[in-house]
Amino acid sequence: MESPQPPPEAVSFLKRHRRLSRRHFMAQSGGSAAALMLAAEPSPEALKALLAKLGPYLTPQASFRDVSRGKPVPHSLPPERLREAGLTRDTWRLEILPDPEHPATLGKRFSLADGTAITFDAFLEVAKTRSVRFPKLMTCLNIGCPLGMGVWEGVPLRELVWMARPRENLRRVHYHGYHNNDPAQMFRSSLPVGRVLEDPDGLPPVIVCHKLNGEWLTPERGAPARMVVPEHYGFKSVKWLTRVFLSNLPHANDTYAGQNNDIDSPMKTFAATLHVTEKPVAGKPIGVTGYAQSGVSGLSKVQVWISPAKAAWKDDDPWFATAPWTDAAILGPPESWLGGTVRDIRGLDARGTPARWPMRLAMAHWAVLLPGLPAGDYTLRSRTIDEGGNAQPMPRPFRKGGRCDIEEIAVRVS
């Protein structure tokens, strides 16, 4: 059997760092006792096996983590039930209505009751001239690791809102997906209408999404159509979208708000470890790879720090701001997006080169080769520095607004 080959970004990393040296690592660590002395010349060969495990940059639909809600989960319904529920492309209908309790004034309604709800074919007609695509990491507010990285495609929600001809008393848009015709299972999210109609600070638009990585959404990913809100956690990107309400309500009415979550905080920047050299040996370099989520504040650095497991730390420095962190290398973007098809992907030029890297609201892989250590138990930590110079978990260290704890990994050197 042939040994696995490193992905393109791994090869690129190895080319750029072919001559890693003892001086490099001592400079990065400041020659600290925590980093300790090298007993052997480090070699990028020690990273090859770890880099080969990183896998593709874009997550195949079947490999996304699933946190779907419902009993039964809508995507588990048999084919005939999916059709009855309007969860196939030929039976899907989208209603756009005034909020019954806080109605906006509309010139037109799209309703199942009167046969005017938007069909999938009508939706695709709008998509022919208005569809957009952008990379986004789908991530959960309360889970430390991403659900998957993809290129999402759909129609800006504002295009559908304007089809309803709103005239006045429109302050908020709220929406939900199919929920087994059981009100107790409804999961609802909302957005201020200003975010729906305009895109602040260069963000992509909020979309009604029908494709992921160039393919039709699968039922597990929310087919036929779902909401995707670029800068927010997954609870805003409701699956199996069926109804949009245009409302004069002045505040959020998200399901998550009633579950003691901060529903207004956008995605944070943080890092976590994926792989560490298996069974590291005393005095031999230790390879580490991981991923970083680049939130609304961007990403400028990933850093790691390994220290003796039982070492005490300063009580007045709970986030290890003064620890001897080592810079990791942030791997470059993928050499190919969607098989080389980059037409109209926001943030990429015609050759598939990102205008900025790492891209905001997306993922980046990172790698580092740490100096060898004496035998013993250690704690490995990783963190990010955002584009404003804030070290994780700052500037928003509160878990209700998105998990971004500094991860701690136990490492035993034998």
Protein backbone atom coordinates (compact mmCIF):
# COMPACT_ATOMS: atom_id res chain seq x y z
CA MET A 1 0.00 0.00 0.00
CA GLU A 2 1.30 3.45 -0.89
CA SER A 3 1.87 5.83 1.98
CA PRO A 4 -0.58 8.81 2.05
CA GLN A 5 0.58 11.92 0.24
CA PRO A 6 0.40 15.32 1.93
CA PRO A 7 -2.32 17.66 0.62
CA PRO A 8 -1.18 20.59 -1.59
CA GLU A 9 -1.14 23.04 1.30
CA ALA A 10 1.09 20.63 3.23
CA VAL A 11 3.54 20.41 0.35
CA SER A 12 3.57 24.18 0.11
CA PHE A 13 4.25 24.42 3.83
CA LEU A 14 7.13 21.96 3.61
CA LYS A 15 8.67 23.82 0.68
CA ARG A 16 8.54 27.10 2.55
CA HIS A 17 10.03 25.58 5.69
CA ARG A 18 12.56 23.13 4.29
CA ARG A 19 15.35 24.48 6.47
CA LEU A 20 13.81 24.78 9.90
CA SER A 21 16.59 25.34 12.36
CA ARG A 22 17.39 25.21 16.02
CA ARG A 23 17.89 28.98 15.95
CA HIS A 24 14.34 29.45 14.59
CA PHE A 25 12.74 27.61 17.49
CA MET A 26 14.84 29.21 20.18
CA ALA A 27 14.02 32.64 18.74
CA GLN A 28 10.31 31.83 18.72
CA SER A 29 10.33 30.59 22.30
CA GLY A 30 12.66 33.25 23.61
CA GLY A 31 14.91 30.44 24.83
CA SER A 32 12.46 29.88 27.71
CA ALA A 33 12.64 27.02 30.15
CA ALA A 34 9.17 25.95 29.02
CA ALA A 35 10.41 25.40 25.47
CA LEU A 36 13.65 23.77 26.72
CA MET A 37 16.67 22.88 24.61
CA LEU A 38 16.66 20.87 21.43
CA ALA A 39 18.46 17.55 21.58
CA ALA A 40 18.23 17.00 17.82
CA GLU A 41 18.03 19.10 14.67
CA PRO A 42 14.33 19.54 13.83
CA SER A 43 13.14 18.33 10.43
CA PRO A 44 9.91 19.09 8.55
CA GLU A 45 9.74 15.34 7.87
CA ALA A 46 8.26 15.05 11.37
CA LEU A 47 5.25 17.05 10.18
CA LYS A 48 4.48 15.12 6.99
CA ALA A 49 2.28 12.46 8.59
CA LEU A 50 0.34 15.06 10.55
CA LEU A 51 -0.18 17.33 7.55
CA ALA A 52 -1.42 14.38 5.51
CA LYS A 53 -4.22 13.91 8.06
CA LEU A 54 -5.66 17.37 7.57
CA GLY A 55 -7.89 16.32 4.69
CA PRO A 56 -9.62 18.65 2.22
CA TYR A 57 -10.18 22.30 3.01
CA LEU A 58 -13.84 22.20 1.97
CA THR A 59 -15.91 19.66 3.88
CA PRO A 60 -17.95 17.20 1.77
CA GLN A 61 -21.64 17.46 2.65
CA ALA A 62 -21.72 13.93 4.03
CA SER A 63 -18.85 14.77 6.40
CA PHE A 64 -20.45 17.78 8.08
CA ARG A 65 -21.23 17.32 11.76
CA ASP A 66 -24.96 17.26 12.37
CA VAL A 67 -26.79 19.00 15.23
CA SER A 68 -30.26 18.87 13.65
CA ARG A 69 -33.31 19.22 15.85
CA GLY A 70 -36.68 17.48 15.74
CA LYS A 71 -38.42 14.24 16.67
CA PRO A 72 -38.11 12.78 14.14
CA VAL A 73 -35.32 14.85 12.63
CA PRO A 74 -36.82 16.15 9.35
CA HIS A 75 -34.08 14.75 7.13
CA SER A 76 -34.79 11.25 8.48
CA LEU A 77 -38.32 11.19 7.06
CA PRO A 78 -38.93 8.57 4.34
CA PRO A 79 -39.25 9.88 0.76
CA GLU A 80 -43.06 9.98 0.74
CA ARG A 81 -43.11 11.93 4.01
CA LEU A 82 -40.49 14.38 2.69
CA ARG A 83 -42.80 15.08 -0.23
CA GLU A 84 -45.81 15.55 2.02
CA ALA A 85 -43.80 17.96 4.19
CA GLY A 86 -42.72 20.01 1.17
CA LEU A 87 -39.08 19.03 1.65
CA THR A 88 -38.34 18.01 -1.94
CA ARG A 89 -37.51 20.45 -4.72
CA ASP A 90 -40.77 19.75 -6.56
CA THR A 91 -42.96 20.18 -3.47
CA TRP A 92 -41.14 22.97 -1.58
CA ARG A 93 -43.01 26.21 -0.98
CA LEU A 94 -41.80 29.34 0.82
CA GLU A 95 -44.27 31.65 2.52
CA ILE A 96 -43.46 35.34 3.07
CA LEU A 97 -46.07 36.88 5.33
CA PRO A 98 -46.65 39.78 7.73
CA ASP A 99 -46.06 38.79 11.34
CA PRO A 100 -49.57 38.02 12.73
CA GLU A 101 -48.82 39.76 16.04
CA HIS A 102 -46.64 42.65 14.82
CA PRO A 103 -47.46 43.01 11.11
CA ALA A 104 -45.39 44.96 8.65
CA THR A 105 -47.38 46.58 5.86
CA LEU A 106 -46.88 44.58 2.65
CA GLY A 107 -48.06 45.06 -0.88
CA LYS A 108 -48.01 41.33 -1.59
CA ARG A 109 -48.12 38.09 0.36
CA PHE A 110 -46.79 34.69 -0.60
CA SER A 111 -49.09 32.19 1.08
CA LEU A 112 -49.88 28.49 0.94
CA ALA A 113 -53.51 29.25 1.73
CA ASP A 114 -54.10 31.18 -1.47
CA GLY A 115 -51.62 29.25 -3.64
CA THR A 116 -49.12 32.10 -4.00
CA ALA A 117 -46.22 30.65 -1.96
CA ILE A 118 -42.88 30.70 -3.83
CA THR A 119 -42.11 27.42 -5.60
CA PHE A 120 -38.60 26.08 -6.06
CA ASP A 121 -38.80 26.71 -9.80
CA ALA A 122 -39.74 30.35 -9.15
CA PHE A 123 -36.88 30.60 -6.67
CA LEU A 124 -34.44 29.28 -9.28
CA GLU A 125 -35.64 31.91 -11.75
CA VAL A 126 -34.52 34.58 -9.26
CA ALA A 127 -31.26 32.67 -8.71
CA LYS A 128 -30.39 32.88 -12.42
CA THR A 129 -29.54 36.57 -12.05
CA ARG A 130 -29.24 37.16 -8.30
CA SER A 131 -27.43 34.10 -6.88
CA VAL A 132 -24.25 34.63 -4.82
CA ARG A 133 -21.60 32.26 -3.45
CA PHE A 134 -19.24 32.72 -0.53
CA PRO A 135 -16.99 30.61 1.75
CA LYS A 136 -18.18 30.22 5.32
CA LEU A 137 -17.34 28.00 8.26
CA MET A 138 -20.54 26.62 9.78
CA THR A 139 -20.03 26.54 13.51
CA CYS A 140 -22.19 26.12 16.62
CA LEU A 141 -22.50 28.63 19.42
CA ASN A 142 -21.98 26.04 22.16
CA ILE A 143 -19.65 23.49 20.51
CA GLY A 144 -15.92 23.98 20.43
CA CYS A 145 -15.25 22.55 16.96
CA PRO A 146 -16.73 23.53 13.59
CA LEU A 147 -19.49 21.59 11.84
CA GLY A 148 -17.90 22.03 8.42
CA MET A 149 -16.36 24.45 5.92
CA GLY A 150 -18.13 25.13 2.66
CA VAL A 151 -18.95 27.44 -0.23
CA TRP A 152 -22.62 28.34 0.18
CA GLU A 153 -24.79 29.48 -2.71
CA GLY A 154 -28.21 31.08 -2.77
CA VAL A 155 -30.42 34.11 -3.31
CA PRO A 156 -30.00 37.13 -1.04
CA LEU A 157 -32.92 37.21 1.35
CA ARG A 158 -33.49 40.88 0.52
CA GLU A 159 -34.43 39.94 -3.05
CA LEU A 160 -37.33 37.86 -1.71
CA VAL A 161 -38.27 40.48 0.90
CA TRP A 162 -38.61 43.14 -1.82
CA MET A 163 -40.87 40.80 -3.80
CA ALA A 164 -43.37 41.21 -0.92
CA ARG A 165 -43.33 45.01 -1.49
CA PRO A 166 -42.91 46.13 2.14
CA ARG A 167 -44.11 49.70 2.71
CA GLU A 168 -43.78 50.49 6.41
CA ASN A 169 -43.57 49.12 9.96
CA LEU A 170 -40.79 46.68 9.05
CA ARG A 171 -38.14 46.39 11.74
CA ARG A 172 -37.31 42.70 11.95
CA VAL A 173 -37.37 39.52 9.88
CA HIS A 174 -37.92 36.21 11.61
CA TYR A 175 -38.15 32.77 10.07
CA HIS A 176 -38.38 29.07 10.80
CA GLY A 177 -38.10 25.70 9.10
CA TYR A 178 -40.20 22.57 8.98
CA HIS A 179 -40.87 21.19 12.47
CA ASN A 180 -43.11 18.12 12.09
CA ASN A 181 -46.24 20.29 12.30
CA ASP A 182 -45.60 20.51 16.04
CA PRO A 183 -45.42 24.08 17.43
CA ALA A 184 -43.40 22.85 20.41
CA GLN A 185 -40.63 21.76 18.03
CA MET A 186 -40.42 25.03 16.11
CA PHE A 187 -36.90 26.52 15.97
CA ARG A 188 -36.95 30.20 15.03
CA SER A 189 -34.29 32.83 14.37
CA SER A 190 -34.46 36.49 13.46
CA LEU A 191 -32.47 39.43 12.09
CA PRO A 192 -32.91 43.19 12.10
CA VAL A 193 -34.20 44.25 8.70
CA GLY A 194 -31.18 46.53 8.27
CA ARG A 195 -28.88 43.48 8.18
CA VAL A 196 -31.12 41.79 5.63
CA LEU A 197 -31.26 44.78 3.29
CA GLU A 198 -27.61 45.89 3.56
CA ASP A 199 -24.24 44.19 4.03
CA PRO A 200 -22.04 46.02 6.57
CA ASP A 201 -18.25 46.07 6.43
CA GLY A 202 -17.93 44.03 3.26
CA LEU A 203 -19.87 41.02 4.58
CA PRO A 204 -21.66 38.74 2.11
CA PRO A 205 -25.46 38.98 2.07
CA VAL A 206 -27.81 36.84 4.12
CA ILE A 207 -29.01 34.19 1.67
CA VAL A 208 -31.71 31.61 1.15
CA CYS A 209 -29.27 28.83 0.28
CA HIS A 210 -29.90 25.93 -2.10
CA LYS A 211 -26.37 24.69 -2.90
CA LEU A 212 -23.26 23.75 -0.93
CA ASN A 213 -19.86 23.25 -2.59
CA GLY A 214 -21.54 23.46 -6.00
CA GLU A 215 -24.06 20.69 -5.29
CA TRP A 216 -27.74 20.71 -4.31
CA LEU A 217 -28.20 20.74 -0.56
CA THR A 218 -28.84 17.30 0.86
CA PRO A 219 -31.72 16.75 3.32
CA GLU A 220 -29.16 16.54 6.16
CA ARG A 221 -27.86 20.01 5.26
CA GLY A 222 -31.35 21.55 5.13
CA ALA A 223 -32.67 20.84 1.62
CA PRO A 224 -34.39 22.07 -0.38
CA ALA A 225 -33.43 25.50 1.03
CA ARG A 226 -32.11 26.97 4.25
CA MET A 227 -31.05 30.31 5.62
CA VAL A 228 -27.31 31.10 5.78
CA VAL A 229 -26.21 34.17 7.76
CA PRO A 230 -22.50 34.73 7.01
CA GLU A 231 -21.21 36.24 10.25
CA HIS A 232 -23.32 34.28 12.71
CA TYR A 233 -23.29 30.90 14.36
CA GLY A 234 -25.37 28.06 12.96
CA PHE A 235 -28.54 28.76 14.95
CA LYS A 236 -29.21 31.75 12.66
CA SER A 237 -28.87 29.55 9.56
CA VAL A 238 -32.14 27.66 9.99
CA LYS A 239 -32.56 24.48 7.94
CA TRP A 240 -35.60 23.30 5.91
CA LEU A 241 -36.77 26.89 5.53
CA THR A 242 -40.53 27.19 5.00
CA ARG A 243 -41.71 30.57 6.30
CA VAL A 244 -40.44 34.16 6.58
CA PHE A 245 -42.31 36.75 8.66
CA LEU A 246 -41.85 40.49 8.13
CA SER A 247 -42.39 42.11 11.48
CA ASN A 248 -42.67 45.41 13.33
CA LEU A 249 -41.31 43.71 16.46
CA PRO A 250 -38.45 45.84 17.85
CA HIS A 251 -36.45 42.99 19.41
CA ALA A 252 -35.19 39.48 18.70
CA ASN A 253 -37.52 36.55 19.22
CA ASP A 254 -35.08 33.70 18.51
CA THR A 255 -35.63 30.31 20.12
CA TYR A 256 -32.03 30.49 21.36
CA ALA A 257 -32.74 33.72 23.23
CA GLY A 258 -35.12 31.82 25.48
CA GLN A 259 -32.40 29.24 26.15
CA ASN A 260 -30.06 31.73 27.85
CA ASN A 261 -27.76 32.31 24.87
CA ASP A 262 -26.35 35.57 23.51
CA ILE A 263 -28.04 35.62 20.11
CA ASP A 264 -26.44 38.86 18.86
CA SER A 265 -22.71 38.03 19.18
CA PRO A 266 -21.18 37.09 15.80
CA MET A 267 -18.53 34.42 15.23
CA LYS A 268 -15.39 34.63 17.34
CA THR A 269 -11.78 33.94 16.38
CA PHE A 270 -10.20 30.91 18.08
CA ALA A 271 -7.83 27.98 17.52
CA ALA A 272 -7.80 24.32 18.44
CA THR A 273 -5.51 21.33 17.95
CA LEU A 274 -6.17 18.54 15.46
CA HIS A 275 -3.11 16.28 15.62
CA VAL A 276 0.02 15.90 17.75
CA THR A 277 2.99 13.62 17.05
CA GLU A 278 1.95 10.18 18.24
CA LYS A 279 3.92 8.92 21.26
CA PRO A 280 6.51 11.69 21.25
CA VAL A 281 9.98 10.63 22.36
CA ALA A 282 12.22 12.64 24.68
CA GLY A 283 14.49 15.02 22.83
CA LYS A 284 12.69 14.61 19.48
CA PRO A 285 10.74 17.48 17.87
CA ILE A 286 6.98 17.41 18.37
CA GLY A 287 4.72 18.25 15.44
CA VAL A 288 1.34 19.88 15.99
CA THR A 289 -1.42 20.77 13.54
CA GLY A 290 -4.77 22.43 14.08
CA TYR A 291 -7.44 24.70 12.70
CA ALA A 292 -8.39 28.28 13.41
CA GLN A 293 -11.80 29.87 13.07
CA SER A 294 -11.47 33.40 11.73
CA GLY A 295 -14.39 35.34 13.12
CA VAL A 296 -15.57 38.88 12.46
CA SER A 297 -12.37 40.26 14.00
CA GLY A 298 -10.16 38.34 11.55
CA LEU A 299 -7.04 36.29 12.25
CA SER A 300 -3.43 37.46 12.30
CA LYS A 301 -1.61 34.74 14.28
CA VAL A 302 -1.92 31.29 15.79
CA GLN A 303 0.31 30.51 18.75
CA VAL A 304 1.04 27.43 20.86
CA TRP A 305 2.60 26.85 24.25
CA ILE A 306 3.60 23.58 25.88
CA SER A 307 4.43 23.49 29.59
CA PRO A 308 4.89 20.90 32.37
CA ALA A 309 1.45 19.56 33.30
CA LYS A 310 1.68 20.41 37.01
CA ALA A 311 3.31 23.82 36.61
CA ALA A 312 1.52 26.57 38.54
CA TRP A 313 0.53 29.80 36.80
CA LYS A 314 -0.14 33.36 37.90
CA ASP A 315 -3.52 33.95 39.52
CA ASP A 316 -3.79 37.37 37.91
CA ASP A 317 -3.28 36.03 34.36
CA PRO A 318 -6.18 33.60 33.80
CA TRP A 319 -5.75 33.52 29.99
CA PHE A 320 -1.94 33.09 29.99
CA ALA A 321 -1.34 36.42 28.28
CA THR A 322 2.27 36.56 29.50
CA ALA A 323 3.15 32.93 28.71
CA PRO A 324 6.03 32.20 26.27
CA TRP A 325 3.83 31.47 23.25
CA THR A 326 5.35 30.23 19.96
CA ASP A 327 4.04 31.36 16.57
CA ALA A 328 2.68 28.59 14.36
CA ALA A 329 2.64 28.71 10.55
CA ILE A 330 -0.78 29.39 9.06
CA LEU A 331 -1.11 27.19 5.98
CA GLY A 332 -2.12 28.79 2.71
CA PRO A 333 -5.47 28.59 0.91
CA PRO A 334 -6.44 25.53 -1.12
CA GLU A 335 -4.95 25.36 -4.59
CA SER A 336 -8.35 24.44 -6.04
CA TRP A 337 -11.86 25.56 -5.10
CA LEU A 338 -14.74 23.36 -6.24
CA GLY A 339 -12.58 21.58 -8.79
CA GLY A 340 -11.20 24.84 -10.11
CA THR A 341 -14.58 26.52 -10.60
CA VAL A 342 -14.34 29.89 -8.87
CA ARG A 343 -16.95 31.88 -10.80
CA ASP A 344 -18.45 34.56 -8.59
CA ILE A 345 -17.19 33.17 -5.28
CA ARG A 346 -17.05 36.21 -3.01
CA GLY A 347 -13.53 37.03 -1.82
CA LEU A 348 -11.72 35.17 -4.65
CA ASP A 349 -10.30 36.53 -7.89
CA ALA A 350 -10.63 34.78 -11.25
CA ARG A 351 -7.68 32.51 -10.43
CA GLY A 352 -9.14 31.47 -7.09
CA THR A 353 -6.77 33.59 -5.02
CA PRO A 354 -8.35 35.07 -1.86
CA ALA A 355 -8.19 38.85 -1.55
CA ARG A 356 -7.14 38.28 2.07
CA TRP A 357 -5.86 35.23 3.90
CA PRO A 358 -6.97 33.95 6.28
CA MET A 359 -10.46 34.85 5.10
CA ARG A 360 -12.88 36.19 7.68
CA LEU A 361 -15.72 33.83 8.64
CA ALA A 362 -13.73 30.86 7.29
CA MET A 363 -11.23 28.27 8.50
CA ALA A 364 -7.45 28.09 8.23
CA HIS A 365 -5.15 25.17 9.06
CA TRP A 366 -1.94 25.73 10.99
CA ALA A 367 1.17 23.73 11.87
CA VAL A 368 4.22 24.01 14.10
CA LEU A 369 7.27 21.91 14.97
CA LEU A 370 8.11 22.27 18.66
CA PRO A 371 11.51 21.53 20.23
CA GLY A 372 12.12 18.19 21.87
CA LEU A 373 11.32 17.84 25.59
CA PRO A 374 12.49 15.65 28.46
CA ALA A 375 10.27 12.71 29.37
CA GLY A 376 7.22 13.73 31.37
CA ASP A 377 3.63 14.98 31.22
CA TYR A 378 2.84 18.28 29.53
CA THR A 379 -0.09 20.54 28.68
CA LEU A 380 -0.33 21.89 25.14
CA ARG A 381 -2.35 25.05 24.53
CA SER A 382 -3.18 26.99 21.39
CA ARG A 383 -4.66 30.44 20.86
CA THR A 384 -5.28 33.07 18.18
CA ILE A 385 -4.42 36.74 17.86
CA ASP A 386 -7.07 38.61 15.88
CA GLU A 387 -6.48 41.50 13.49
CA GLY A 388 -7.05 43.96 16.32
CA GLY A 389 -4.24 42.41 18.37
CA ASN A 390 -6.62 40.70 20.82
CA ALA A 391 -5.45 37.35 22.16
CA GLN A 392 -8.03 34.59 22.56
CA PRO A 393 -10.43 34.50 24.36
CA MET A 394 -10.59 38.31 24.32
CA PRO A 395 -12.30 40.56 23.43
CA ARG A 396 -15.44 38.50 24.21
CA PRO A 397 -14.51 35.79 26.71
CA PHE A 398 -18.11 34.96 27.66
CA ARG A 399 -19.28 31.50 26.67
CA LYS A 400 -22.91 32.49 26.08
CA GLY A 401 -21.71 34.49 23.06
CA GLY A 402 -19.77 31.59 21.51
CA ARG A 403 -17.33 29.06 22.90
CA CYS A 404 -13.66 30.06 22.51
CA ASP A 405 -11.90 28.65 25.58
CA ILE A 406 -8.15 28.16 25.35
CA GLU A 407 -7.94 24.45 24.67
CA GLU A 408 -5.71 22.24 26.81
CA ILE A 409 -4.31 18.98 25.39
CA ALA A 410 -2.46 16.44 27.54
CA VAL A 411 0.83 15.26 25.99
CA ARG A 412 3.05 12.53 27.44
CA VAL A 413 6.68 12.40 26.31
CA SER A 414 8.35 9.02 26.90
